[in-house]
Amino acid sequence: MSTRLTPDIARELCQRANSKAYIGGSIANIGSQYVVGLKAVNCLTGDVLAQEQATAAGKERVLDALGEAATKLQAQSLRKTERRKAAIEGRVSCPNSLPSTSLDPTSGKSRQNFQPSIAEL
């Protein structure tokens, strides 16, 4: 007896593996065409992070459609990651001006120093 890998089971396995996301897939036959769908799902929340689909002209082209959908999904994920990274970096206007903590040798107390980079001067 085989057990179908449902989204709930996939999510549970993803969590057990301490992964961040899993890829779910589907395939539908519409006449002589096949529609292949892929989606990246957050393991903890179940939210869909990205999704793509591609159409194959026949069953002999399904693997090509799967590759196309996977490439699109990867590109979409990279774009989202870059946007997130840019947003995070944008919050810190000048990372070289962040405070650093050091120990004052005369008093033994810690103090914060703001040291701008040479390029900022």
PDB file of N, CA and C in Angstrom:
ATOM      1  N   MET A   1       0.832  -1.174   0.000  1.00  0.00           N
ATOM      2  CA  MET A   1       0.000   0.000   0.000  1.00  0.00           C
ATOM      3  C   MET A   1       0.882   1.245   0.000  1.00  0.00           C
ATOM      4  N   SER A   2       0.583   2.186  -0.890  1.00  0.00           N
ATOM      5  CA  SER A   2       1.373   3.418  -0.936  1.00  0.00           C
ATOM      6  C   SER A   2       0.545   4.583  -0.404  1.00  0.00           C
ATOM      7  N   THR A   3       1.231   5.524   0.203  1.00  0.00           N
ATOM      8  CA  THR A   3       0.574   6.691   0.765  1.00  0.00           C
ATOM      9  C   THR A   3       0.847   7.891  -0.123  1.00  0.00           C
ATOM     10  N   ARG A   4      -0.196   8.611  -0.438  1.00  0.00           N
ATOM     11  CA  ARG A   4      -0.062   9.809  -1.267  1.00  0.00           C
ATOM     12  C   ARG A   4       0.646  10.898  -0.465  1.00  0.00           C
ATOM     13  N   LEU A   5       1.575  11.598  -1.097  1.00  0.00           N
ATOM     14  CA  LEU A   5       2.301  12.681  -0.451  1.00  0.00           C
ATOM     15  C   LEU A   5       1.464  13.957  -0.577  1.00  0.00           C
ATOM     16  N   THR A   6       0.676  14.228   0.453  1.00  0.00           N
ATOM     17  CA  THR A   6      -0.200  15.395   0.458  1.00  0.00           C
ATOM     18  C   THR A   6       0.592  16.631   0.888  1.00  0.00           C
ATOM     19  N   PRO A   7       0.052  17.842   0.658  1.00  0.00           N
ATOM     20  CA  PRO A   7       0.732  19.052   1.127  1.00  0.00           C
ATOM     21  C   PRO A   7       0.986  19.045   2.639  1.00  0.00           C
ATOM     22  N   ASP A   8       0.052  18.511   3.426  1.00  0.00           N
ATOM     23  CA  ASP A   8       0.247  18.455   4.881  1.00  0.00           C
ATOM     24  C   ASP A   8       1.413  17.548   5.258  1.00  0.00           C
ATOM     25  N   ILE A   9       1.511  16.402   4.596  1.00  0.00           N
ATOM     26  CA  ILE A   9       2.614  15.478   4.876  1.00  0.00           C
ATOM     27  C   ILE A   9       3.939  16.080   4.411  1.00  0.00           C
ATOM     28  N   ALA A  10       3.934  16.717   3.239  1.00  0.00           N
ATOM     29  CA  ALA A  10       5.149  17.358   2.730  1.00  0.00           C
ATOM     30  C   ALA A  10       5.618  18.448   3.684  1.00  0.00           C
ATOM     31  N   ARG A  11       4.681  19.216   4.199  1.00  0.00           N
ATOM     32  CA  ARG A  11       5.029  20.299   5.138  1.00  0.00           C
ATOM     33  C   ARG A  11       5.603  19.731   6.429  1.00  0.00           C
ATOM     34  N   GLU A  12       4.998  18.656   6.933  1.00  0.00           N
ATOM     35  CA  GLU A  12       5.503  18.025   8.155  1.00  0.00           C
ATOM     36  C   GLU A  12       6.921  17.479   7.947  1.00  0.00           C
ATOM     37  N   LEU A  13       7.142  16.818   6.820  1.00  0.00           N
ATOM     38  CA  LEU A  13       8.482  16.302   6.516  1.00  0.00           C
ATOM     39  C   LEU A  13       9.490  17.436   6.381  1.00  0.00           C
ATOM     40  N   CYS A  14       9.071  18.522   5.762  1.00  0.00           N
ATOM     41  CA  CYS A  14       9.920  19.697   5.597  1.00  0.00           C
ATOM     42  C   CYS A  14      10.332  20.249   6.963  1.00  0.00           C
ATOM     43  N   GLN A  15       9.383  20.337   7.883  1.00  0.00           N
ATOM     44  CA  GLN A  15       9.676  20.826   9.226  1.00  0.00           C
ATOM     45  C   GLN A  15      10.620  19.881   9.965  1.00  0.00           C
ATOM     46  N   ARG A  16      10.395  18.587   9.839  1.00  0.00           N
ATOM     47  CA  ARG A  16      11.259  17.602  10.498  1.00  0.00           C
ATOM     48  C   ARG A  16      12.696  17.683   9.996  1.00  0.00           C
ATOM     49  N   ALA A  17      12.846  18.050   8.726  1.00  0.00           N
ATOM     50  CA  ALA A  17      14.182  18.165   8.129  1.00  0.00           C
ATOM     51  C   ALA A  17      14.807  19.537   8.396  1.00  0.00           C
ATOM     52  N   ASN A  18      14.101  20.381   9.160  1.00  0.00           N
ATOM     53  CA  ASN A  18      14.563  21.743   9.445  1.00  0.00           C
ATOM     54  C   ASN A  18      14.819  22.537   8.174  1.00  0.00           C
ATOM     55  N   SER A  19      13.989  22.312   7.162  1.00  0.00           N
ATOM     56  CA  SER A  19      14.099  23.053   5.907  1.00  0.00           C
ATOM     57  C   SER A  19      13.232  24.298   5.990  1.00  0.00           C
ATOM     58  N   LYS A  20      13.450  25.219   5.094  1.00  0.00           N
ATOM     59  CA  LYS A  20      12.680  26.457   5.064  1.00  0.00           C
ATOM     60  C   LYS A  20      11.475  26.350   4.128  1.00  0.00           C
ATOM     61  N   ALA A  21      11.625  25.575   3.047  1.00  0.00           N
ATOM     62  CA  ALA A  21      10.548  25.482   2.056  1.00  0.00           C
ATOM     63  C   ALA A  21      10.620  24.142   1.335  1.00  0.00           C
ATOM     64  N   TYR A  22       9.508  23.792   0.703  1.00  0.00           N
ATOM     65  CA  TYR A  22       9.476  22.618  -0.161  1.00  0.00           C
ATOM     66  C   TYR A  22       8.812  23.005  -1.472  1.00  0.00           C
ATOM     67  N   ILE A  23       9.016  22.189  -2.499  1.00  0.00           N
ATOM     68  CA  ILE A  23       8.419  22.418  -3.804  1.00  0.00           C
ATOM     69  C   ILE A  23       7.285  21.419  -3.994  1.00  0.00           C
ATOM     70  N   GLY A  24       6.092  21.937  -4.246  1.00  0.00           N
ATOM     71  CA  GLY A  24       4.929  21.110  -4.541  1.00  0.00           C
ATOM     72  C   GLY A  24       4.660  21.166  -6.032  1.00  0.00           C
ATOM     73  N   GLY A  25       4.068  20.127  -6.564  1.00  0.00           N
ATOM     74  CA  GLY A  25       3.818  20.097  -7.997  1.00  0.00           C
ATOM     75  C   GLY A  25       2.475  19.504  -8.345  1.00  0.00           C
ATOM     76  N   SER A  26       2.030  19.821  -9.547  1.00  0.00           N
ATOM     77  CA  SER A  26       0.783  19.256 -10.057  1.00  0.00           C
ATOM     78  C   SER A  26       0.888  19.142 -11.574  1.00  0.00           C
ATOM     79  N   ILE A  27       0.068  18.256 -12.117  1.00  0.00           N
ATOM     80  CA  ILE A  27      -0.005  18.106 -13.569  1.00  0.00           C
ATOM     81  C   ILE A  27      -1.462  17.841 -13.921  1.00  0.00           C
ATOM     82  N   ALA A  28      -1.927  18.533 -14.946  1.00  0.00           N
ATOM     83  CA  ALA A  28      -3.321  18.373 -15.374  1.00  0.00           C
ATOM     84  C   ALA A  28      -3.355  18.147 -16.879  1.00  0.00           C
ATOM     85  N   ASN A  29      -4.190  17.213 -17.302  1.00  0.00           N
ATOM     86  CA  ASN A  29      -4.363  16.915 -18.718  1.00  0.00           C
ATOM     87  C   ASN A  29      -5.577  17.680 -19.208  1.00  0.00           C
ATOM     88  N   ILE A  30      -5.355  18.550 -20.192  1.00  0.00           N
ATOM     89  CA  ILE A  30      -6.441  19.323 -20.788  1.00  0.00           C
ATOM     90  C   ILE A  30      -6.436  19.016 -22.279  1.00  0.00           C
ATOM     91  N   GLY A  31      -7.273  18.074 -22.673  1.00  0.00           N
ATOM     92  CA  GLY A  31      -7.277  17.631 -24.060  1.00  0.00           C
ATOM     93  C   GLY A  31      -5.969  16.944 -24.394  1.00  0.00           C
ATOM     94  N   SER A  32      -5.275  17.443 -25.400  1.00  0.00           N
ATOM     95  CA  SER A  32      -3.978  16.862 -25.767  1.00  0.00           C
ATOM     96  C   SER A  32      -2.820  17.590 -25.101  1.00  0.00           C
ATOM     97  N   GLN A  33      -3.117  18.605 -24.283  1.00  0.00           N
ATOM     98  CA  GLN A  33      -2.069  19.366 -23.598  1.00  0.00           C
ATOM     99  C   GLN A  33      -1.999  18.997 -22.125  1.00  0.00           C
ATOM    100  N   TYR A  34      -0.840  19.290 -21.537  1.00  0.00           N
ATOM    101  CA  TYR A  34      -0.617  19.061 -20.115  1.00  0.00           C
ATOM    102  C   TYR A  34      -0.148  20.370 -19.496  1.00  0.00           C
ATOM    103  N   VAL A  35      -0.703  20.709 -18.335  1.00  0.00           N
ATOM    104  CA  VAL A  35      -0.274  21.894 -17.597  1.00  0.00           C
ATOM    105  C   VAL A  35       0.465  21.415 -16.350  1.00  0.00           C
ATOM    106  N   VAL A  36       1.713  21.844 -16.233  1.00  0.00           N
ATOM    107  CA  VAL A  36       2.569  21.479 -15.106  1.00  0.00           C
ATOM    108  C   VAL A  36       2.673  22.700 -14.192  1.00  0.00           C
ATOM    109  N   GLY A  37       2.402  22.516 -12.915  1.00  0.00           N
ATOM    110  CA  GLY A  37       2.487  23.608 -11.949  1.00  0.00           C
ATOM    111  C   GLY A  37       3.458  23.282 -10.836  1.00  0.00           C
ATOM    112  N   LEU A  38       4.223  24.276 -10.424  1.00  0.00           N
ATOM    113  CA  LEU A  38       5.145  24.136  -9.304  1.00  0.00           C
ATOM    114  C   LEU A  38       4.933  25.296  -8.353  1.00  0.00           C
ATOM    115  N   LYS A  39       5.092  25.038  -7.064  1.00  0.00           N
ATOM    116  CA  LYS A  39       5.031  26.121  -6.096  1.00  0.00           C
ATOM    117  C   LYS A  39       5.997  25.848  -4.951  1.00  0.00           C
ATOM    118  N   ALA A  40       6.641  26.918  -4.490  1.00  0.00           N
ATOM    119  CA  ALA A  40       7.515  26.860  -3.317  1.00  0.00           C
ATOM    120  C   ALA A  40       6.664  27.255  -2.117  1.00  0.00           C
ATOM    121  N   VAL A  41       6.691  26.421  -1.076  1.00  0.00           N
ATOM    122  CA  VAL A  41       5.829  26.615   0.085  1.00  0.00           C
ATOM    123  C   VAL A  41       6.676  26.726   1.347  1.00  0.00           C
ATOM    124  N   ASN A  42       6.384  27.732   2.171  1.00  0.00           N
ATOM    125  CA  ASN A  42       7.059  27.922   3.444  1.00  0.00           C
ATOM    126  C   ASN A  42       6.681  26.776   4.378  1.00  0.00           C
ATOM    127  N   CYS A  43       7.669  26.093   4.933  1.00  0.00           N
ATOM    128  CA  CYS A  43       7.405  24.935   5.798  1.00  0.00           C
ATOM    129  C   CYS A  43       6.659  25.296   7.070  1.00  0.00           C
ATOM    130  N   LEU A  44       6.979  26.434   7.650  1.00  0.00           N
ATOM    131  CA  LEU A  44       6.373  26.788   8.929  1.00  0.00           C
ATOM    132  C   LEU A  44       4.953  27.319   8.790  1.00  0.00           C
ATOM    133  N   THR A  45       4.733  28.193   7.819  1.00  0.00           N
ATOM    134  CA  THR A  45       3.431  28.857   7.706  1.00  0.00           C
ATOM    135  C   THR A  45       2.508  28.232   6.671  1.00  0.00           C
ATOM    136  N   GLY A  46       3.076  27.524   5.704  1.00  0.00           N
ATOM    137  CA  GLY A  46       2.271  26.983   4.621  1.00  0.00           C
ATOM    138  C   GLY A  46       1.998  28.005   3.525  1.00  0.00           C
ATOM    139  N   ASP A  47       2.542  29.212   3.669  1.00  0.00           N
ATOM    140  CA  ASP A  47       2.358  30.258   2.660  1.00  0.00           C
ATOM    141  C   ASP A  47       3.074  29.888   1.370  1.00  0.00           C
ATOM    142  N   VAL A  48       2.463  30.227   0.247  1.00  0.00           N
ATOM    143  CA  VAL A  48       3.097  30.011  -1.057  1.00  0.00           C
ATOM    144  C   VAL A  48       4.085  31.146  -1.277  1.00  0.00           C
ATOM    145  N   LEU A  49       5.348  30.801  -1.452  1.00  0.00           N
ATOM    146  CA  LEU A  49       6.398  31.797  -1.642  1.00  0.00           C
ATOM    147  C   LEU A  49       6.525  32.211  -3.101  1.00  0.00           C
ATOM    148  N   ALA A  50       6.336  31.272  -3.997  1.00  0.00           N
ATOM    149  CA  ALA A  50       6.411  31.531  -5.439  1.00  0.00           C
ATOM    150  C   ALA A  50       5.712  30.384  -6.142  1.00  0.00           C
ATOM    151  N   GLN A  51       5.189  30.667  -7.338  1.00  0.00           N
ATOM    152  CA  GLN A  51       4.565  29.590  -8.119  1.00  0.00           C
ATOM    153  C   GLN A  51       4.679  29.890  -9.599  1.00  0.00           C
ATOM    154  N   GLU A  52       4.762  28.834 -10.370  1.00  0.00           N
ATOM    155  CA  GLU A  52       4.891  28.938 -11.830  1.00  0.00           C
ATOM    156  C   GLU A  52       4.184  27.769 -12.472  1.00  0.00           C
ATOM    157  N   GLN A  53       3.821  27.943 -13.742  1.00  0.00           N
ATOM    158  CA  GLN A  53       3.276  26.829 -14.506  1.00  0.00           C
ATOM    159  C   GLN A  53       3.730  26.934 -15.950  1.00  0.00           C
ATOM    160  N   ALA A  54       3.711  25.791 -16.611  1.00  0.00           N
ATOM    161  CA  ALA A  54       4.087  25.716 -18.025  1.00  0.00           C
ATOM    162  C   ALA A  54       3.186  24.683 -18.688  1.00  0.00           C
ATOM    163  N   THR A  55       3.005  24.848 -19.995  1.00  0.00           N
ATOM    164  CA  THR A  55       2.134  23.955 -20.764  1.00  0.00           C
ATOM    165  C   THR A  55       2.958  23.124 -21.731  1.00  0.00           C
ATOM    166  N   ALA A  56       2.627  21.839 -21.804  1.00  0.00           N
ATOM    167  CA  ALA A  56       3.278  20.927 -22.741  1.00  0.00           C
ATOM    168  C   ALA A  56       2.279  20.552 -23.832  1.00  0.00           C
ATOM    169  N   ALA A  57       2.741  20.520 -25.078  1.00  0.00           N
ATOM    170  CA  ALA A  57       1.880  20.216 -26.226  1.00  0.00           C
ATOM    171  C   ALA A  57       1.491  18.740 -26.284  1.00  0.00           C
ATOM    172  N   GLY A  58       2.125  17.892 -25.519  1.00  0.00           N
ATOM    173  CA  GLY A  58       1.811  16.466 -25.487  1.00  0.00           C
ATOM    174  C   GLY A  58       2.592  15.822 -24.358  1.00  0.00           C
ATOM    175  N   LYS A  59       2.273  14.545 -24.062  1.00  0.00           N
ATOM    176  CA  LYS A  59       2.939  13.912 -22.921  1.00  0.00           C
ATOM    177  C   LYS A  59       4.439  13.758 -23.118  1.00  0.00           C
ATOM    178  N   GLU A  60       4.879  13.715 -24.382  1.00  0.00           N
ATOM    179  CA  GLU A  60       6.329  13.604 -24.626  1.00  0.00           C
ATOM    180  C   GLU A  60       7.054  14.915 -24.328  1.00  0.00           C
ATOM    181  N   ARG A  61       6.332  16.005 -24.097  1.00  0.00           N
ATOM    182  CA  ARG A  61       6.933  17.315 -23.800  1.00  0.00           C
ATOM    183  C   ARG A  61       6.763  17.730 -22.333  1.00  0.00           C
ATOM    184  N   VAL A  62       6.220  16.841 -21.506  1.00  0.00           N
ATOM    185  CA  VAL A  62       5.960  17.172 -20.105  1.00  0.00           C
ATOM    186  C   VAL A  62       7.257  17.482 -19.359  1.00  0.00           C
ATOM    187  N   LEU A  63       8.310  16.714 -19.584  1.00  0.00           N
ATOM    188  CA  LEU A  63       9.572  16.979 -18.889  1.00  0.00           C
ATOM    189  C   LEU A  63      10.150  18.334 -19.284  1.00  0.00           C
ATOM    190  N   ASP A  64       9.996  18.711 -20.555  1.00  0.00           N
ATOM    191  CA  ASP A  64      10.437  20.036 -20.991  1.00  0.00           C
ATOM    192  C   ASP A  64       9.656  21.124 -20.245  1.00  0.00           C
ATOM    193  N   ALA A  65       8.346  20.926 -20.120  1.00  0.00           N
ATOM    194  CA  ALA A  65       7.503  21.895 -19.414  1.00  0.00           C
ATOM    195  C   ALA A  65       7.884  21.964 -17.933  1.00  0.00           C
ATOM    196  N   LEU A  66       8.201  20.829 -17.348  1.00  0.00           N
ATOM    197  CA  LEU A  66       8.632  20.794 -15.952  1.00  0.00           C
ATOM    198  C   LEU A  66       9.927  21.592 -15.776  1.00  0.00           C
ATOM    199  N   GLY A  67      10.876  21.397 -16.675  1.00  0.00           N
ATOM    200  CA  GLY A  67      12.130  22.156 -16.632  1.00  0.00           C
ATOM    201  C   GLY A  67      11.893  23.648 -16.780  1.00  0.00           C
ATOM    202  N   GLU A  68      10.981  24.015 -17.686  1.00  0.00           N
ATOM    203  CA  GLU A  68      10.648  25.431 -17.899  1.00  0.00           C
ATOM    204  C   GLU A  68      10.038  26.040 -16.635  1.00  0.00           C
ATOM    205  N   ALA A  69       9.090  25.325 -16.027  1.00  0.00           N
ATOM    206  CA  ALA A  69       8.449  25.826 -14.803  1.00  0.00           C
ATOM    207  C   ALA A  69       9.468  25.942 -13.667  1.00  0.00           C
ATOM    208  N   ALA A  70      10.375  24.966 -13.558  1.00  0.00           N
ATOM    209  CA  ALA A  70      11.397  25.004 -12.507  1.00  0.00           C
ATOM    210  C   ALA A  70      12.341  26.193 -12.696  1.00  0.00           C
ATOM    211  N   THR A  71      12.728  26.459 -13.929  1.00  0.00           N
ATOM    212  CA  THR A  71      13.605  27.597 -14.215  1.00  0.00           C
ATOM    213  C   THR A  71      12.917  28.911 -13.863  1.00  0.00           C
ATOM    214  N   LYS A  72      11.640  29.035 -14.231  1.00  0.00           N
ATOM    215  CA  LYS A  72      10.875  30.246 -13.903  1.00  0.00           C
ATOM    216  C   LYS A  72      10.720  30.409 -12.390  1.00  0.00           C
ATOM    217  N   LEU A  73      10.461  29.298 -11.696  1.00  0.00           N
ATOM    218  CA  LEU A  73      10.291  29.341 -10.244  1.00  0.00           C
ATOM    219  C   LEU A  73      11.585  29.791  -9.584  1.00  0.00           C
ATOM    220  N   GLN A  74      12.705  29.268 -10.048  1.00  0.00           N
ATOM    221  CA  GLN A  74      14.004  29.653  -9.497  1.00  0.00           C
ATOM    222  C   GLN A  74      14.267  31.142  -9.739  1.00  0.00           C
ATOM    223  N   ALA A  75      13.992  31.627 -10.937  1.00  0.00           N
ATOM    224  CA  ALA A  75      14.204  33.040 -11.262  1.00  0.00           C
ATOM    225  C   ALA A  75      13.314  33.927 -10.391  1.00  0.00           C
ATOM    226  N   GLN A  76      12.065  33.507 -10.203  1.00  0.00           N
ATOM    227  CA  GLN A  76      11.140  34.279  -9.372  1.00  0.00           C
ATOM    228  C   GLN A  76      11.637  34.331  -7.930  1.00  0.00           C
ATOM    229  N   SER A  77      12.118  33.213  -7.422  1.00  0.00           N
ATOM    230  CA  SER A  77      12.643  33.164  -6.058  1.00  0.00           C
ATOM    231  C   SER A  77      13.870  34.055  -5.909  1.00  0.00           C
ATOM    232  N   LEU A  78      14.749  34.039  -6.893  1.00  0.00           N
ATOM    233  CA  LEU A  78      15.938  34.892  -6.842  1.00  0.00           C
ATOM    234  C   LEU A  78      15.565  36.371  -6.850  1.00  0.00           C
ATOM    235  N   ARG A  79      14.581  36.756  -7.679  1.00  0.00           N
ATOM    236  CA  ARG A  79      14.138  38.154  -7.713  1.00  0.00           C
ATOM    237  C   ARG A  79      13.575  38.578  -6.359  1.00  0.00           C
ATOM    238  N   LYS A  80      12.769  37.720  -5.743  1.00  0.00           N
ATOM    239  CA  LYS A  80      12.200  38.048  -4.437  1.00  0.00           C
ATOM    240  C   LYS A  80      13.287  38.163  -3.377  1.00  0.00           C
ATOM    241  N   THR A  81      14.275  37.272  -3.435  1.00  0.00           N
ATOM    242  CA  THR A  81      15.382  37.316  -2.485  1.00  0.00           C
ATOM    243  C   THR A  81      16.175  38.607  -2.650  1.00  0.00           C
ATOM    244  N   GLU A  82      16.435  38.998  -3.888  1.00  0.00           N
ATOM    245  CA  GLU A  82      17.175  40.240  -4.145  1.00  0.00           C
ATOM    246  C   GLU A  82      16.393  41.452  -3.659  1.00  0.00           C
ATOM    247  N   ARG A  83      15.077  41.467  -3.869  1.00  0.00           N
ATOM    248  CA  ARG A  83      14.263  42.591  -3.390  1.00  0.00           C
ATOM    249  C   ARG A  83      14.286  42.661  -1.868  1.00  0.00           C
ATOM    250  N   ARG A  84      14.176  41.512  -1.218  1.00  0.00           N
ATOM    251  CA  ARG A  84      14.231  41.476   0.243  1.00  0.00           C
ATOM    252  C   ARG A  84      15.579  41.965   0.751  1.00  0.00           C
ATOM    253  N   LYS A  85      16.635  41.501   0.088  1.00  0.00           N
ATOM    254  CA  LYS A  85      17.993  41.896   0.476  1.00  0.00           C
ATOM    255  C   LYS A  85      18.174  43.406   0.306  1.00  0.00           C
ATOM    256  N   ALA A  86      17.687  43.958  -0.805  1.00  0.00           N
ATOM    257  CA  ALA A  86      17.795  45.401  -1.045  1.00  0.00           C
ATOM    258  C   ALA A  86      16.996  46.184  -0.008  1.00  0.00           C
ATOM    259  N   ALA A  87      15.829  45.681   0.366  1.00  0.00           N
ATOM    260  CA  ALA A  87      15.024  46.366   1.377  1.00  0.00           C
ATOM    261  C   ALA A  87      15.727  46.375   2.726  1.00  0.00           C
ATOM    262  N   ILE A  88      16.346  45.265   3.083  1.00  0.00           N
ATOM    263  CA  ILE A  88      17.077  45.185   4.348  1.00  0.00           C
ATOM    264  C   ILE A  88      18.269  46.117   4.320  1.00  0.00           C
ATOM    265  N   GLU A  89      19.020  46.110   3.230  1.00  0.00           N
ATOM    266  CA  GLU A  89      20.186  46.980   3.122  1.00  0.00           C
ATOM    267  C   GLU A  89      19.775  48.443   3.103  1.00  0.00           C
ATOM    268  N   GLY A  90      18.607  48.743   2.555  1.00  0.00           N
ATOM    269  CA  GLY A  90      18.118  50.112   2.510  1.00  0.00           C
ATOM    270  C   GLY A  90      17.767  50.658   3.882  1.00  0.00           C
ATOM    271  N   ARG A  91      17.459  49.781   4.817  1.00  0.00           N
ATOM    272  CA  ARG A  91      17.138  50.212   6.186  1.00  0.00           C
ATOM    273  C   ARG A  91      18.374  50.733   6.907  1.00  0.00           C
ATOM    274  N   VAL A  92      19.538  50.237   6.519  1.00  0.00           N
ATOM    275  CA  VAL A  92      20.795  50.679   7.120  1.00  0.00           C
ATOM    276  C   VAL A  92      21.436  51.621   6.117  1.00  0.00           C
ATOM    277  N   SER A  93      21.281  52.912   6.341  1.00  0.00           N
ATOM    278  CA  SER A  93      21.755  53.885   5.355  1.00  0.00           C
ATOM    279  C   SER A  93      23.259  53.867   5.195  1.00  0.00           C
ATOM    280  N   CYS A  94      23.973  53.600   6.244  1.00  0.00           N
ATOM    281  CA  CYS A  94      25.426  53.585   6.156  1.00  0.00           C
ATOM    282  C   CYS A  94      25.957  52.514   7.094  1.00  0.00           C
ATOM    283  N   PRO A  95      26.130  51.290   6.614  1.00  0.00           N
ATOM    284  CA  PRO A  95      26.540  50.208   7.508  1.00  0.00           C
ATOM    285  C   PRO A  95      27.883  50.454   8.175  1.00  0.00           C
ATOM    286  N   ASN A  96      28.754  51.260   7.582  1.00  0.00           N
ATOM    287  CA  ASN A  96      30.055  51.524   8.191  1.00  0.00           C
ATOM    288  C   ASN A  96      29.961  52.493   9.359  1.00  0.00           C
ATOM    289  N   SER A  97      28.800  53.124   9.574  1.00  0.00           N
ATOM    290  CA  SER A  97      28.622  54.050  10.680  1.00  0.00           C
ATOM    291  C   SER A  97      27.895  53.412  11.852  1.00  0.00           C
ATOM    292  N   LEU A  98      27.698  52.109  11.802  1.00  0.00           N
ATOM    293  CA  LEU A  98      27.039  51.438  12.912  1.00  0.00           C
ATOM    294  C   LEU A  98      27.930  51.505  14.140  1.00  0.00           C
ATOM    295  N   PRO A  99      27.313  51.587  15.311  1.00  0.00           N
ATOM    296  CA  PRO A  99      28.131  51.688  16.514  1.00  0.00           C
ATOM    297  C   PRO A  99      28.875  50.393  16.809  1.00  0.00           C
ATOM    298  N   SER A 100      30.054  50.545  17.334  1.00  0.00           N
ATOM    299  CA  SER A 100      30.803  49.392  17.816  1.00  0.00           C
ATOM    300  C   SER A 100      31.015  49.600  19.306  1.00  0.00           C
ATOM    301  N   THR A 101      31.070  48.537  20.057  1.00  0.00           N
ATOM    302  CA  THR A 101      31.229  48.640  21.498  1.00  0.00           C
ATOM    303  C   THR A 101      32.650  48.261  21.855  1.00  0.00           C
ATOM    304  N   SER A 102      33.240  49.067  22.725  1.00  0.00           N
ATOM    305  CA  SER A 102      34.591  48.763  23.185  1.00  0.00           C
ATOM    306  C   SER A 102      34.656  49.028  24.679  1.00  0.00           C
ATOM    307  N   LEU A 103      35.712  48.610  25.292  1.00  0.00           N
ATOM    308  CA  LEU A 103      35.911  48.767  26.725  1.00  0.00           C
ATOM    309  C   LEU A 103      36.841  49.943  26.954  1.00  0.00           C
ATOM    310  N   ASP A 104      36.411  50.904  27.785  1.00  0.00           N
ATOM    311  CA  ASP A 104      37.241  52.067  28.125  1.00  0.00           C
ATOM    312  C   ASP A 104      38.316  51.592  29.095  1.00  0.00           C
ATOM    313  N   PRO A 105      39.590  51.689  28.698  1.00  0.00           N
ATOM    314  CA  PRO A 105      40.657  51.150  29.540  1.00  0.00           C
ATOM    315  C   PRO A 105      40.809  51.891  30.863  1.00  0.00           C
ATOM    316  N   THR A 106      40.394  53.140  30.946  1.00  0.00           N
ATOM    317  CA  THR A 106      40.576  53.888  32.191  1.00  0.00           C
ATOM    318  C   THR A 106      39.487  53.591  33.215  1.00  0.00           C
ATOM    319  N   SER A 107      38.227  53.441  32.744  1.00  0.00           N
ATOM    320  CA  SER A 107      37.142  53.225  33.695  1.00  0.00           C
ATOM    321  C   SER A 107      36.669  51.770  33.754  1.00  0.00           C
ATOM    322  N   GLY A 108      36.998  50.995  32.718  1.00  0.00           N
ATOM    323  CA  GLY A 108      36.536  49.610  32.671  1.00  0.00           C
ATOM    324  C   GLY A 108      35.103  49.475  32.205  1.00  0.00           C
ATOM    325  N   LYS A 109      34.475  50.592  31.811  1.00  0.00           N
ATOM    326  CA  LYS A 109      33.087  50.561  31.336  1.00  0.00           C
ATOM    327  C   LYS A 109      33.076  50.434  29.815  1.00  0.00           C
ATOM    328  N   SER A 110      31.969  49.889  29.310  1.00  0.00           N
ATOM    329  CA  SER A 110      31.855  49.786  27.860  1.00  0.00           C
ATOM    330  C   SER A 110      31.370  51.114  27.304  1.00  0.00           C
ATOM    331  N   ARG A 111      31.740  51.403  26.067  1.00  0.00           N
ATOM    332  CA  ARG A 111      31.304  52.618  25.404  1.00  0.00           C
ATOM    333  C   ARG A 111      31.054  52.309  23.941  1.00  0.00           C
ATOM    334  N   GLN A 112      30.173  53.095  23.336  1.00  0.00           N
ATOM    335  CA  GLN A 112      29.871  52.907  21.914  1.00  0.00           C
ATOM    336  C   GLN A 112      30.642  53.937  21.114  1.00  0.00           C
ATOM    337  N   ASN A 113      31.217  53.469  20.023  1.00  0.00           N
ATOM    338  CA  ASN A 113      31.965  54.341  19.129  1.00  0.00           C
ATOM    339  C   ASN A 113      31.288  54.377  17.779  1.00  0.00           C
ATOM    340  N   PHE A 114      31.180  55.556  17.215  1.00  0.00           N
ATOM    341  CA  PHE A 114      30.693  55.702  15.841  1.00  0.00           C
ATOM    342  C   PHE A 114      31.902  56.063  14.994  1.00  0.00           C
ATOM    343  N   GLN A 115      32.297  55.138  14.141  1.00  0.00           N
ATOM    344  CA  GLN A 115      33.470  55.376  13.319  1.00  0.00           C
ATOM    345  C   GLN A 115      33.078  55.344  11.861  1.00  0.00           C
ATOM    346  N   PRO A 116      32.906  56.524  11.239  1.00  0.00           N
ATOM    347  CA  PRO A 116      32.584  56.527   9.826  1.00  0.00           C
ATOM    348  C   PRO A 116      33.768  56.053   8.993  1.00  0.00           C
ATOM    349  N   SER A 117      33.475  55.505   7.849  1.00  0.00           N
ATOM    350  CA  SER A 117      34.550  55.049   6.982  1.00  0.00           C
ATOM    351  C   SER A 117      35.249  56.249   6.329  1.00  0.00           C
ATOM    352  N   ILE A 118      36.436  56.045   5.831  1.00  0.00           N
ATOM    353  CA  ILE A 118      37.198  57.107   5.191  1.00  0.00           C
ATOM    354  C   ILE A 118      36.441  57.685   4.013  1.00  0.00           C
ATOM    355  N   ALA A 119      35.715  56.852   3.281  1.00  0.00           N
ATOM    356  CA  ALA A 119      34.966  57.312   2.116  1.00  0.00           C
ATOM    357  C   ALA A 119      33.871  58.291   2.492  1.00  0.00           C
ATOM    358  N   GLU A 120      33.371  58.219   3.732  1.00  0.00           N
ATOM    359  CA  GLU A 120      32.291  59.103   4.171  1.00  0.00           C
ATOM    360  C   GLU A 120      32.807  60.468   4.603  1.00  0.00           C
ATOM    361  N   LEU A 121      34.100  60.590   4.906  1.00  0.00           N
ATOM    362  CA  LEU A 121      34.649  61.858   5.397  1.00  0.00           C
ATOM    363  C   LEU A 121      34.896  62.853   4.325  1.00  0.00           C
TER     364      LEU A 121
END
